[in-house]
């Protein structure tokens, strides 16, 4: 009768726990940093706040432009507004006028 004697290896007992740890690390990393992970949620929330601020600024600008356009096209056109727009577009002024330059509003 033949008998084989095997030397007991300690590495065989570590294979399954090591593979489990690797899989947990992989999925844990992607749960936090992945496309739909926790960190992405915070990034998207910050981006949403920033874009909402931009939308509010653009809406305010639109309201201002609509009001100015209403002054030009509202049945009775205001002469001062028309004169101001024409002079600004043509970059002209009369000889006896005083021009006060103001800095542009920050966008």
PDB file of N, CA and C in Angstrom:
ATOM      1  N   UNK A   1       0.827  -1.151   0.000  1.00  0.00           N
ATOM      2  CA  UNK A   1       0.000   0.000   0.000  1.00  0.00           C
ATOM      3  C   UNK A   1       0.888   1.237   0.000  1.00  0.00           C
ATOM      4  N   UNK A   2       0.492   2.123  -0.842  1.00  0.00           N
ATOM      5  CA  UNK A   2       1.240   3.360  -0.983  1.00  0.00           C
ATOM      6  C   UNK A   2       0.614   4.444  -0.128  1.00  0.00           C
ATOM      7  N   UNK A   3       1.410   5.187   0.509  1.00  0.00           N
ATOM      8  CA  UNK A   3       0.910   6.317   1.279  1.00  0.00           C
ATOM      9  C   UNK A   3       1.662   7.582   0.852  1.00  0.00           C
ATOM     10  N   UNK A   4       0.909   8.610   0.742  1.00  0.00           N
ATOM     11  CA  UNK A   4       1.537   9.896   0.406  1.00  0.00           C
ATOM     12  C   UNK A   4       1.415  10.798   1.617  1.00  0.00           C
ATOM     13  N   UNK A   5       2.466  11.441   1.865  1.00  0.00           N
ATOM     14  CA  UNK A   5       2.423  12.399   2.962  1.00  0.00           C
ATOM     15  C   UNK A   5       2.537  13.804   2.385  1.00  0.00           C
ATOM     16  N   UNK A   6       1.567  14.576   2.714  1.00  0.00           N
ATOM     17  CA  UNK A   6       1.550  15.958   2.223  1.00  0.00           C
ATOM     18  C   UNK A   6       1.954  16.887   3.345  1.00  0.00           C
ATOM     19  N   UNK A   7       2.766  17.813   2.957  1.00  0.00           N
ATOM     20  CA  UNK A   7       3.156  18.831   3.923  1.00  0.00           C
ATOM     21  C   UNK A   7       2.024  19.864   3.987  1.00  0.00           C
ATOM     22  N   UNK A   8       1.564  20.182   5.148  1.00  0.00           N
ATOM     23  CA  UNK A   8       0.466  21.125   5.315  1.00  0.00           C
ATOM     24  C   UNK A   8       0.966  22.545   4.999  1.00  0.00           C
ATOM     25  N   UNK A   9       0.313  23.175   4.021  1.00  0.00           N
ATOM     26  CA  UNK A   9       0.678  24.553   3.659  1.00  0.00           C
ATOM     27  C   UNK A   9      -0.268  25.517   4.370  1.00  0.00           C
ATOM     28  N   UNK A  10       0.296  26.606   4.845  1.00  0.00           N
ATOM     29  CA  UNK A  10      -0.528  27.627   5.491  1.00  0.00           C
ATOM     30  C   UNK A  10      -1.101  28.609   4.472  1.00  0.00           C
ATOM     31  N   UNK A  11      -0.550  28.632   3.283  1.00  0.00           N
ATOM     32  CA  UNK A  11      -1.038  29.578   2.276  1.00  0.00           C
ATOM     33  C   UNK A  11      -2.396  29.180   1.735  1.00  0.00           C
ATOM     34  N   UNK A  12      -2.724  27.935   1.758  1.00  0.00           N
ATOM     35  CA  UNK A  12      -4.018  27.477   1.256  1.00  0.00           C
ATOM     36  C   UNK A  12      -5.170  28.033   2.063  1.00  0.00           C
ATOM     37  N   UNK A  13      -4.975  28.260   3.309  1.00  0.00           N
ATOM     38  CA  UNK A  13      -6.029  28.800   4.154  1.00  0.00           C
ATOM     39  C   UNK A  13      -6.244  30.295   3.932  1.00  0.00           C
ATOM     40  N   UNK A  14      -5.304  30.981   3.296  1.00  0.00           N
ATOM     41  CA  UNK A  14      -5.406  32.432   3.102  1.00  0.00           C
ATOM     42  C   UNK A  14      -5.978  32.827   1.743  1.00  0.00           C
ATOM     43  N   UNK A  15      -6.164  31.873   0.859  1.00  0.00           N
ATOM     44  CA  UNK A  15      -6.627  32.212  -0.492  1.00  0.00           C
ATOM     45  C   UNK A  15      -8.048  32.779  -0.466  1.00  0.00           C
ATOM     46  N   UNK A  16      -8.976  32.132   0.148  1.00  0.00           N
ATOM     47  CA  UNK A  16     -10.375  32.585   0.163  1.00  0.00           C
ATOM     48  C   UNK A  16     -10.524  33.920   0.895  1.00  0.00           C
ATOM     49  N   UNK A  17      -9.959  34.108   2.092  1.00  0.00           N
ATOM     50  CA  UNK A  17     -10.088  35.424   2.728  1.00  0.00           C
ATOM     51  C   UNK A  17      -9.430  36.549   1.923  1.00  0.00           C
ATOM     52  N   UNK A  18      -8.323  36.257   1.249  1.00  0.00           N
ATOM     53  CA  UNK A  18      -7.655  37.263   0.426  1.00  0.00           C
ATOM     54  C   UNK A  18      -8.523  37.652  -0.754  1.00  0.00           C
ATOM     55  N   UNK A  19      -9.110  36.674  -1.429  1.00  0.00           N
ATOM     56  CA  UNK A  19      -9.997  36.980  -2.554  1.00  0.00           C
ATOM     57  C   UNK A  19     -11.215  37.781  -2.087  1.00  0.00           C
ATOM     58  N   UNK A  20     -11.759  37.445  -0.931  1.00  0.00           N
ATOM     59  CA  UNK A  20     -12.895  38.202  -0.393  1.00  0.00           C
ATOM     60  C   UNK A  20     -12.499  39.643  -0.089  1.00  0.00           C
ATOM     61  N   UNK A  21     -11.344  39.832   0.480  1.00  0.00           N
ATOM     62  CA  UNK A  21     -10.862  41.185   0.790  1.00  0.00           C
ATOM     63  C   UNK A  21     -10.648  41.995  -0.481  1.00  0.00           C
ATOM     64  N   UNK A  22     -10.116  41.360  -1.535  1.00  0.00           N
ATOM     65  CA  UNK A  22      -9.889  42.051  -2.807  1.00  0.00           C
ATOM     66  C   UNK A  22     -11.227  42.460  -3.423  1.00  0.00           C
ATOM     67  N   UNK A  23     -12.203  41.555  -3.435  1.00  0.00           N
ATOM     68  CA  UNK A  23     -13.514  41.892  -3.987  1.00  0.00           C
ATOM     69  C   UNK A  23     -14.188  43.002  -3.187  1.00  0.00           C
ATOM     70  N   UNK A  24     -14.120  42.940  -1.877  1.00  0.00           N
ATOM     71  CA  UNK A  24     -14.707  43.992  -1.053  1.00  0.00           C
ATOM     72  C   UNK A  24     -14.029  45.338  -1.290  1.00  0.00           C
ATOM     73  N   UNK A  25     -12.716  45.327  -1.430  1.00  0.00           N
ATOM     74  CA  UNK A  25     -11.991  46.572  -1.689  1.00  0.00           C
ATOM     75  C   UNK A  25     -12.385  47.147  -3.050  1.00  0.00           C
ATOM     76  N   UNK A  26     -12.502  46.278  -4.060  1.00  0.00           N
ATOM     77  CA  UNK A  26     -12.869  46.722  -5.402  1.00  0.00           C
ATOM     78  C   UNK A  26     -14.254  47.376  -5.399  1.00  0.00           C
ATOM     79  N   UNK A  27     -15.238  46.655  -4.855  1.00  0.00           N
ATOM     80  CA  UNK A  27     -16.592  47.187  -4.860  1.00  0.00           C
ATOM     81  C   UNK A  27     -16.744  48.371  -3.904  1.00  0.00           C
ATOM     82  N   UNK A  28     -16.014  48.390  -2.831  1.00  0.00           N
ATOM     83  CA  UNK A  28     -16.053  49.532  -1.922  1.00  0.00           C
ATOM     84  C   UNK A  28     -15.489  50.782  -2.575  1.00  0.00           C
ATOM     85  N   UNK A  29     -14.396  50.628  -3.307  1.00  0.00           N
ATOM     86  CA  UNK A  29     -13.793  51.766  -4.010  1.00  0.00           C
ATOM     87  C   UNK A  29     -14.776  52.342  -5.019  1.00  0.00           C
ATOM     88  N   UNK A  30     -15.402  51.475  -5.798  1.00  0.00           N
ATOM     89  CA  UNK A  30     -16.333  51.957  -6.820  1.00  0.00           C
ATOM     90  C   UNK A  30     -17.649  52.456  -6.231  1.00  0.00           C
ATOM     91  N   UNK A  31     -18.013  51.986  -5.067  1.00  0.00           N
ATOM     92  CA  UNK A  31     -19.217  52.525  -4.415  1.00  0.00           C
ATOM     93  C   UNK A  31     -18.991  53.971  -3.982  1.00  0.00           C
ATOM     94  N   UNK A  32     -17.759  54.325  -3.680  1.00  0.00           N
ATOM     95  CA  UNK A  32     -17.457  55.692  -3.265  1.00  0.00           C
ATOM     96  C   UNK A  32     -17.066  56.578  -4.446  1.00  0.00           C
ATOM     97  N   UNK A  33     -16.158  56.079  -5.310  1.00  0.00           N
ATOM     98  CA  UNK A  33     -15.615  56.905  -6.390  1.00  0.00           C
ATOM     99  C   UNK A  33     -16.238  56.638  -7.753  1.00  0.00           C
ATOM    100  N   UNK A  34     -17.128  55.703  -7.868  1.00  0.00           N
ATOM    101  CA  UNK A  34     -17.688  55.338  -9.164  1.00  0.00           C
ATOM    102  C   UNK A  34     -18.560  56.428  -9.757  1.00  0.00           C
ATOM    103  N   UNK A  35     -19.058  56.151 -10.957  1.00  0.00           N
ATOM    104  CA  UNK A  35     -19.870  57.135 -11.673  1.00  0.00           C
ATOM    105  C   UNK A  35     -21.140  57.488 -10.897  1.00  0.00           C
ATOM    106  N   UNK A  36     -21.711  56.531 -10.214  1.00  0.00           N
ATOM    107  CA  UNK A  36     -22.912  56.769  -9.422  1.00  0.00           C
ATOM    108  C   UNK A  36     -22.626  56.593  -7.934  1.00  0.00           C
ATOM    109  N   UNK A  37     -21.410  56.824  -7.526  1.00  0.00           N
ATOM    110  CA  UNK A  37     -21.007  56.623  -6.144  1.00  0.00           C
ATOM    111  C   UNK A  37     -21.364  57.793  -5.244  1.00  0.00           C
ATOM    112  N   UNK A  38     -20.948  57.671  -4.003  1.00  0.00           N
ATOM    113  CA  UNK A  38     -21.262  58.675  -2.986  1.00  0.00           C
ATOM    114  C   UNK A  38     -20.586  60.009  -3.311  1.00  0.00           C
ATOM    115  N   UNK A  39     -19.322  59.975  -3.709  1.00  0.00           N
ATOM    116  CA  UNK A  39     -18.592  61.201  -4.026  1.00  0.00           C
ATOM    117  C   UNK A  39     -19.223  61.910  -5.228  1.00  0.00           C
ATOM    118  N   UNK A  40     -19.696  61.138  -6.197  1.00  0.00           N
ATOM    119  CA  UNK A  40     -20.336  61.736  -7.370  1.00  0.00           C
ATOM    120  C   UNK A  40     -21.614  62.465  -6.984  1.00  0.00           C
ATOM    121  N   UNK A  41     -22.311  61.949  -5.992  1.00  0.00           N
ATOM    122  CA  UNK A  41     -23.530  62.615  -5.535  1.00  0.00           C
ATOM    123  C   UNK A  41     -23.209  64.001  -5.009  1.00  0.00           C
ATOM    124  N   UNK A  42     -22.155  64.116  -4.208  1.00  0.00           N
ATOM    125  CA  UNK A  42     -21.784  65.427  -3.664  1.00  0.00           C
ATOM    126  C   UNK A  42     -21.304  66.371  -4.760  1.00  0.00           C
ATOM    127  N   UNK A  43     -20.583  65.826  -5.736  1.00  0.00           N
ATOM    128  CA  UNK A  43     -20.141  66.649  -6.859  1.00  0.00           C
ATOM    129  C   UNK A  43     -21.328  67.169  -7.651  1.00  0.00           C
ATOM    130  N   UNK A  44     -22.306  66.309  -7.904  1.00  0.00           N
ATOM    131  CA  UNK A  44     -23.485  66.724  -8.657  1.00  0.00           C
ATOM    132  C   UNK A  44     -24.312  67.749  -7.887  1.00  0.00           C
ATOM    133  N   UNK A  45     -24.396  67.616  -6.580  1.00  0.00           N
ATOM    134  CA  UNK A  45     -25.117  68.598  -5.785  1.00  0.00           C
ATOM    135  C   UNK A  45     -24.432  69.965  -5.845  1.00  0.00           C
ATOM    136  N   UNK A  46     -23.115  69.981  -5.769  1.00  0.00           N
ATOM    137  CA  UNK A  46     -22.370  71.247  -5.860  1.00  0.00           C
ATOM    138  C   UNK A  46     -22.541  71.867  -7.241  1.00  0.00           C
ATOM    139  N   UNK A  47     -22.506  71.037  -8.265  1.00  0.00           N
ATOM    140  CA  UNK A  47     -22.681  71.532  -9.627  1.00  0.00           C
ATOM    141  C   UNK A  47     -24.097  72.074  -9.821  1.00  0.00           C
ATOM    142  N   UNK A  48     -25.081  71.432  -9.209  1.00  0.00           N
ATOM    143  CA  UNK A  48     -26.461  71.896  -9.304  1.00  0.00           C
ATOM    144  C   UNK A  48     -26.617  73.272  -8.677  1.00  0.00           C
ATOM    145  N   UNK A  49     -26.007  73.490  -7.522  1.00  0.00           N
ATOM    146  CA  UNK A  49     -26.083  74.795  -6.860  1.00  0.00           C
ATOM    147  C   UNK A  49     -25.456  75.872  -7.741  1.00  0.00           C
ATOM    148  N   UNK A  50     -24.307  75.564  -8.326  1.00  0.00           N
ATOM    149  CA  UNK A  50     -23.625  76.536  -9.189  1.00  0.00           C
ATOM    150  C   UNK A  50     -24.463  76.868 -10.425  1.00  0.00           C
ATOM    151  N   UNK A  51     -25.052  75.852 -11.042  1.00  0.00           N
ATOM    152  CA  UNK A  51     -25.862  76.086 -12.234  1.00  0.00           C
ATOM    153  C   UNK A  51     -27.148  76.839 -11.899  1.00  0.00           C
ATOM    154  N   UNK A  52     -27.713  76.599 -10.726  1.00  0.00           N
ATOM    155  CA  UNK A  52     -28.907  77.357 -10.319  1.00  0.00           C
ATOM    156  C   UNK A  52     -28.589  78.828 -10.136  1.00  0.00           C
ATOM    157  N   UNK A  53     -27.398  79.133  -9.628  1.00  0.00           N
ATOM    158  CA  UNK A  53     -26.987  80.537  -9.510  1.00  0.00           C
ATOM    159  C   UNK A  53     -26.863  81.173 -10.891  1.00  0.00           C
ATOM    160  N   UNK A  54     -26.298  80.435 -11.841  1.00  0.00           N
ATOM    161  CA  UNK A  54     -26.165  80.960 -13.198  1.00  0.00           C
ATOM    162  C   UNK A  54     -27.531  81.190 -13.828  1.00  0.00           C
ATOM    163  N   UNK A  55     -28.459  80.270 -13.605  1.00  0.00           N
ATOM    164  CA  UNK A  55     -29.809  80.419 -14.152  1.00  0.00           C
ATOM    165  C   UNK A  55     -30.484  81.650 -13.567  1.00  0.00           C
ATOM    166  N   UNK A  56     -30.324  81.877 -12.269  1.00  0.00           N
ATOM    167  CA  UNK A  56     -30.931  83.050 -11.634  1.00  0.00           C
ATOM    168  C   UNK A  56     -30.354  84.342 -12.209  1.00  0.00           C
ATOM    169  N   UNK A  57     -29.032  84.369 -12.440  1.00  0.00           N
ATOM    170  CA  UNK A  57     -28.404  85.562 -13.011  1.00  0.00           C
ATOM    171  C   UNK A  57     -28.891  85.800 -14.437  1.00  0.00           C
ATOM    172  N   UNK A  58     -29.025  84.738 -15.211  1.00  0.00           N
ATOM    173  CA  UNK A  58     -29.480  84.881 -16.595  1.00  0.00           C
ATOM    174  C   UNK A  58     -30.944  85.322 -16.635  1.00  0.00           C
ATOM    175  N   UNK A  59     -31.764  84.800 -15.710  1.00  0.00           N
ATOM    176  CA  UNK A  59     -33.167  85.228 -15.662  1.00  0.00           C
ATOM    177  C   UNK A  59     -33.276  86.705 -15.310  1.00  0.00           C
ATOM    178  N   UNK A  60     -32.452  87.168 -14.377  1.00  0.00           N
ATOM    179  CA  UNK A  60     -32.470  88.585 -14.006  1.00  0.00           C
ATOM    180  C   UNK A  60     -32.047  89.454 -15.188  1.00  0.00           C
ATOM    181  N   UNK A  61     -31.031  89.000 -15.916  1.00  0.00           N
ATOM    182  CA  UNK A  61     -30.579  89.739 -17.088  1.00  0.00           C
ATOM    183  C   UNK A  61     -31.678  89.766 -18.153  1.00  0.00           C
ATOM    184  N   UNK A  62     -32.366  88.656 -18.314  1.00  0.00           N
ATOM    185  CA  UNK A  62     -33.442  88.591 -19.303  1.00  0.00           C
ATOM    186  C   UNK A  62     -34.573  89.547 -18.945  1.00  0.00           C
ATOM    187  N   UNK A  63     -34.940  89.596 -17.672  1.00  0.00           N
ATOM    188  CA  UNK A  63     -36.008  90.505 -17.242  1.00  0.00           C
ATOM    189  C   UNK A  63     -35.610  91.947 -17.532  1.00  0.00           C
ATOM    190  N   UNK A  64     -34.346  92.274 -17.250  1.00  0.00           N
ATOM    191  CA  UNK A  64     -33.868  93.639 -17.516  1.00  0.00           C
ATOM    192  C   UNK A  64     -33.915  93.959 -19.010  1.00  0.00           C
ATOM    193  N   UNK A  65     -33.484  93.024 -19.839  1.00  0.00           N
ATOM    194  CA  UNK A  65     -33.501  93.251 -21.289  1.00  0.00           C
ATOM    195  C   UNK A  65     -34.935  93.351 -21.824  1.00  0.00           C
ATOM    196  N   UNK A  66     -35.841  92.519 -21.285  1.00  0.00           N
ATOM    197  CA  UNK A  66     -37.235  92.605 -21.713  1.00  0.00           C
ATOM    198  C   UNK A  66     -37.840  93.952 -21.339  1.00  0.00           C
ATOM    199  N   UNK A  67     -37.479  94.460 -20.182  1.00  0.00           N
ATOM    200  CA  UNK A  67     -37.992  95.762 -19.756  1.00  0.00           C
ATOM    201  C   UNK A  67     -37.469  96.866 -20.678  1.00  0.00           C
ATOM    202  N   UNK A  68     -36.199  96.791 -21.022  1.00  0.00           N
ATOM    203  CA  UNK A  68     -35.637  97.804 -21.927  1.00  0.00           C
ATOM    204  C   UNK A  68     -36.268  97.693 -23.314  1.00  0.00           C
ATOM    205  N   UNK A  69     -36.500  96.474 -23.765  1.00  0.00           N
ATOM    206  CA  UNK A  69     -37.128  96.293 -25.078  1.00  0.00           C
ATOM    207  C   UNK A  69     -38.572  96.788 -25.059  1.00  0.00           C
ATOM    208  N   UNK A  70     -39.264  96.586 -23.930  1.00  0.00           N
ATOM    209  CA  UNK A  70     -40.632  97.055 -23.804  1.00  0.00           C
ATOM    210  C   UNK A  70     -40.696  98.580 -23.915  1.00  0.00           C
ATOM    211  N   UNK A  71     -39.686  99.255 -23.398  1.00  0.00           N
ATOM    212  CA  UNK A  71     -39.658 100.718 -23.508  1.00  0.00           C
ATOM    213  C   UNK A  71     -39.490 101.163 -24.962  1.00  0.00           C
ATOM    214  N   UNK A  72     -38.798 100.373 -25.766  1.00  0.00           N
ATOM    215  CA  UNK A  72     -38.595 100.741 -27.164  1.00  0.00           C
ATOM    216  C   UNK A  72     -39.811 100.439 -28.032  1.00  0.00           C
ATOM    217  N   UNK A  73     -40.491  99.340 -27.771  1.00  0.00           N
ATOM    218  CA  UNK A  73     -41.534  98.887 -28.682  1.00  0.00           C
ATOM    219  C   UNK A  73     -42.948  99.010 -28.120  1.00  0.00           C
ATOM    220  N   UNK A  74     -43.137  99.704 -27.058  1.00  0.00           N
ATOM    221  CA  UNK A  74     -44.447  99.806 -26.428  1.00  0.00           C
ATOM    222  C   UNK A  74     -45.236 100.966 -27.035  1.00  0.00           C
ATOM    223  N   UNK A  75     -45.923 100.750 -28.113  1.00  0.00           N
ATOM    224  CA  UNK A  75     -46.803 101.738 -28.742  1.00  0.00           C
ATOM    225  C   UNK A  75     -46.234 103.140 -28.780  1.00  0.00           C
ATOM    226  N   UNK A  76     -45.970 103.732 -27.637  1.00  0.00           N
ATOM    227  CA  UNK A  76     -45.380 105.061 -27.596  1.00  0.00           C
ATOM    228  C   UNK A  76     -43.902 104.906 -27.242  1.00  0.00           C
ATOM    229  N   UNK A  77     -43.065 105.036 -28.221  1.00  0.00           N
ATOM    230  CA  UNK A  77     -41.631 104.859 -28.023  1.00  0.00           C
ATOM    231  C   UNK A  77     -41.070 106.082 -27.292  1.00  0.00           C
ATOM    232  N   UNK A  78     -40.321 105.842 -26.244  1.00  0.00           N
ATOM    233  CA  UNK A  78     -39.732 106.947 -25.509  1.00  0.00           C
ATOM    234  C   UNK A  78     -38.553 107.510 -26.295  1.00  0.00           C
ATOM    235  N   UNK A  79     -38.578 108.823 -26.492  1.00  0.00           N
ATOM    236  CA  UNK A  79     -37.553 109.459 -27.316  1.00  0.00           C
ATOM    237  C   UNK A  79     -36.179 109.402 -26.663  1.00  0.00           C
ATOM    238  N   UNK A  80     -36.126 109.542 -25.352  1.00  0.00           N
ATOM    239  CA  UNK A  80     -34.832 109.496 -24.674  1.00  0.00           C
ATOM    240  C   UNK A  80     -34.170 108.130 -24.832  1.00  0.00           C
ATOM    241  N   UNK A  81     -34.973 107.080 -24.696  1.00  0.00           N
ATOM    242  CA  UNK A  81     -34.435 105.724 -24.830  1.00  0.00           C
ATOM    243  C   UNK A  81     -33.952 105.481 -26.252  1.00  0.00           C
ATOM    244  N   UNK A  82     -34.715 105.913 -27.221  1.00  0.00           N
ATOM    245  CA  UNK A  82     -34.330 105.739 -28.615  1.00  0.00           C
ATOM    246  C   UNK A  82     -33.068 106.527 -28.918  1.00  0.00           C
ATOM    247  N   UNK A  83     -32.991 107.747 -28.412  1.00  0.00           N
ATOM    248  CA  UNK A  83     -31.814 108.579 -28.627  1.00  0.00           C
ATOM    249  C   UNK A  83     -30.575 107.940 -27.995  1.00  0.00           C
ATOM    250  N   UNK A  84     -30.729 107.439 -26.781  1.00  0.00           N
ATOM    251  CA  UNK A  84     -29.602 106.801 -26.089  1.00  0.00           C
ATOM    252  C   UNK A  84     -29.098 105.580 -26.858  1.00  0.00           C
ATOM    253  N   UNK A  85     -30.019 104.747 -27.315  1.00  0.00           N
ATOM    254  CA  UNK A  85     -29.627 103.540 -28.048  1.00  0.00           C
ATOM    255  C   UNK A  85     -28.957 103.898 -29.381  1.00  0.00           C
ATOM    256  N   UNK A  86     -29.482 104.875 -30.072  1.00  0.00           N
ATOM    257  CA  UNK A  86     -28.900 105.269 -31.360  1.00  0.00           C
ATOM    258  C   UNK A  86     -27.497 105.834 -31.172  1.00  0.00           C
ATOM    259  N   UNK A  87     -27.299 106.682 -30.180  1.00  0.00           N
ATOM    260  CA  UNK A  87     -25.975 107.260 -29.943  1.00  0.00           C
ATOM    261  C   UNK A  87     -24.971 106.188 -29.519  1.00  0.00           C
ATOM    262  N   UNK A  88     -25.418 105.252 -28.706  1.00  0.00           N
ATOM    263  CA  UNK A  88     -24.520 104.184 -28.271  1.00  0.00           C
ATOM    264  C   UNK A  88     -24.137 103.288 -29.454  1.00  0.00           C
ATOM    265  N   UNK A  89     -25.105 102.973 -30.306  1.00  0.00           N
ATOM    266  CA  UNK A  89     -24.834 102.112 -31.461  1.00  0.00           C
ATOM    267  C   UNK A  89     -23.913 102.787 -32.467  1.00  0.00           C
ATOM    268  N   UNK A  90     -24.137 104.076 -32.695  1.00  0.00           N
ATOM    269  CA  UNK A  90     -23.337 104.805 -33.678  1.00  0.00           C
ATOM    270  C   UNK A  90     -22.075 105.413 -33.091  1.00  0.00           C
ATOM    271  N   UNK A  91     -21.966 105.386 -31.760  1.00  0.00           N
ATOM    272  CA  UNK A  91     -20.807 105.942 -31.070  1.00  0.00           C
ATOM    273  C   UNK A  91     -20.639 107.428 -31.405  1.00  0.00           C
ATOM    274  N   UNK A  92     -21.723 108.183 -31.289  1.00  0.00           N
ATOM    275  CA  UNK A  92     -21.721 109.612 -31.615  1.00  0.00           C
ATOM    276  C   UNK A  92     -22.181 110.431 -30.414  1.00  0.00           C
ATOM    277  N   UNK A  93     -21.751 111.689 -30.386  1.00  0.00           N
ATOM    278  CA  UNK A  93     -22.234 112.643 -29.387  1.00  0.00           C
ATOM    279  C   UNK A  93     -22.151 114.037 -29.986  1.00  0.00           C
ATOM    280  N   UNK A  94     -22.901 114.938 -29.406  1.00  0.00           N
ATOM    281  CA  UNK A  94     -22.872 116.320 -29.874  1.00  0.00           C
ATOM    282  C   UNK A  94     -21.693 117.053 -29.246  1.00  0.00           C
ATOM    283  N   UNK A  95     -21.333 118.181 -29.821  1.00  0.00           N
ATOM    284  CA  UNK A  95     -20.160 118.929 -29.361  1.00  0.00           C
ATOM    285  C   UNK A  95     -20.360 119.506 -27.966  1.00  0.00           C
ATOM    286  N   UNK A  96     -21.576 119.869 -27.593  1.00  0.00           N
ATOM    287  CA  UNK A  96     -21.804 120.503 -26.302  1.00  0.00           C
ATOM    288  C   UNK A  96     -22.205 119.508 -25.199  1.00  0.00           C
ATOM    289  N   UNK A  97     -22.105 118.219 -25.444  1.00  0.00           N
ATOM    290  CA  UNK A  97     -22.489 117.215 -24.458  1.00  0.00           C
ATOM    291  C   UNK A  97     -21.296 116.801 -23.601  1.00  0.00           C
ATOM    292  N   UNK A  98     -21.591 116.484 -22.360  1.00  0.00           N
ATOM    293  CA  UNK A  98     -20.576 115.961 -21.444  1.00  0.00           C
ATOM    294  C   UNK A  98     -20.833 114.462 -21.304  1.00  0.00           C
ATOM    295  N   UNK A  99     -19.777 113.693 -21.529  1.00  0.00           N
ATOM    296  CA  UNK A  99     -19.901 112.232 -21.461  1.00  0.00           C
ATOM    297  C   UNK A  99     -19.216 111.739 -20.202  1.00  0.00           C
ATOM    298  N   UNK A 100     -19.934 110.977 -19.399  1.00  0.00           N
ATOM    299  CA  UNK A 100     -19.388 110.400 -18.166  1.00  0.00           C
ATOM    300  C   UNK A 100     -19.214 108.906 -18.415  1.00  0.00           C
ATOM    301  N   UNK A 101     -17.996 108.439 -18.354  1.00  0.00           N
ATOM    302  CA  UNK A 101     -17.708 107.016 -18.586  1.00  0.00           C
ATOM    303  C   UNK A 101     -17.836 106.281 -17.267  1.00  0.00           C
ATOM    304  N   UNK A 102     -18.575 105.176 -17.270  1.00  0.00           N
ATOM    305  CA  UNK A 102     -18.734 104.339 -16.085  1.00  0.00           C
ATOM    306  C   UNK A 102     -18.191 102.945 -16.392  1.00  0.00           C
ATOM    307  N   UNK A 103     -17.610 102.308 -15.394  1.00  0.00           N
ATOM    308  CA  UNK A 103     -17.102 100.949 -15.643  1.00  0.00           C
ATOM    309  C   UNK A 103     -18.248  99.996 -15.893  1.00  0.00           C
ATOM    310  N   UNK A 104     -17.962  98.940 -16.676  1.00  0.00           N
ATOM    311  CA  UNK A 104     -18.986  97.940 -16.986  1.00  0.00           C
ATOM    312  C   UNK A 104     -19.301  97.117 -15.765  1.00  0.00           C
ATOM    313  N   UNK A 105     -20.492  96.614 -15.701  1.00  0.00           N
ATOM    314  CA  UNK A 105     -20.885  95.717 -14.616  1.00  0.00           C
ATOM    315  C   UNK A 105     -20.168  94.384 -14.798  1.00  0.00           C
ATOM    316  N   UNK A 106     -19.764  93.785 -13.686  1.00  0.00           N
ATOM    317  CA  UNK A 106     -19.112  92.481 -13.761  1.00  0.00           C
ATOM    318  C   UNK A 106     -20.151  91.443 -14.139  1.00  0.00           C
ATOM    319  N   UNK A 107     -19.803  90.552 -15.075  1.00  0.00           N
ATOM    320  CA  UNK A 107     -20.739  89.507 -15.523  1.00  0.00           C
ATOM    321  C   UNK A 107     -20.704  88.330 -14.624  1.00  0.00           C
TER     322      UNK A 107
END
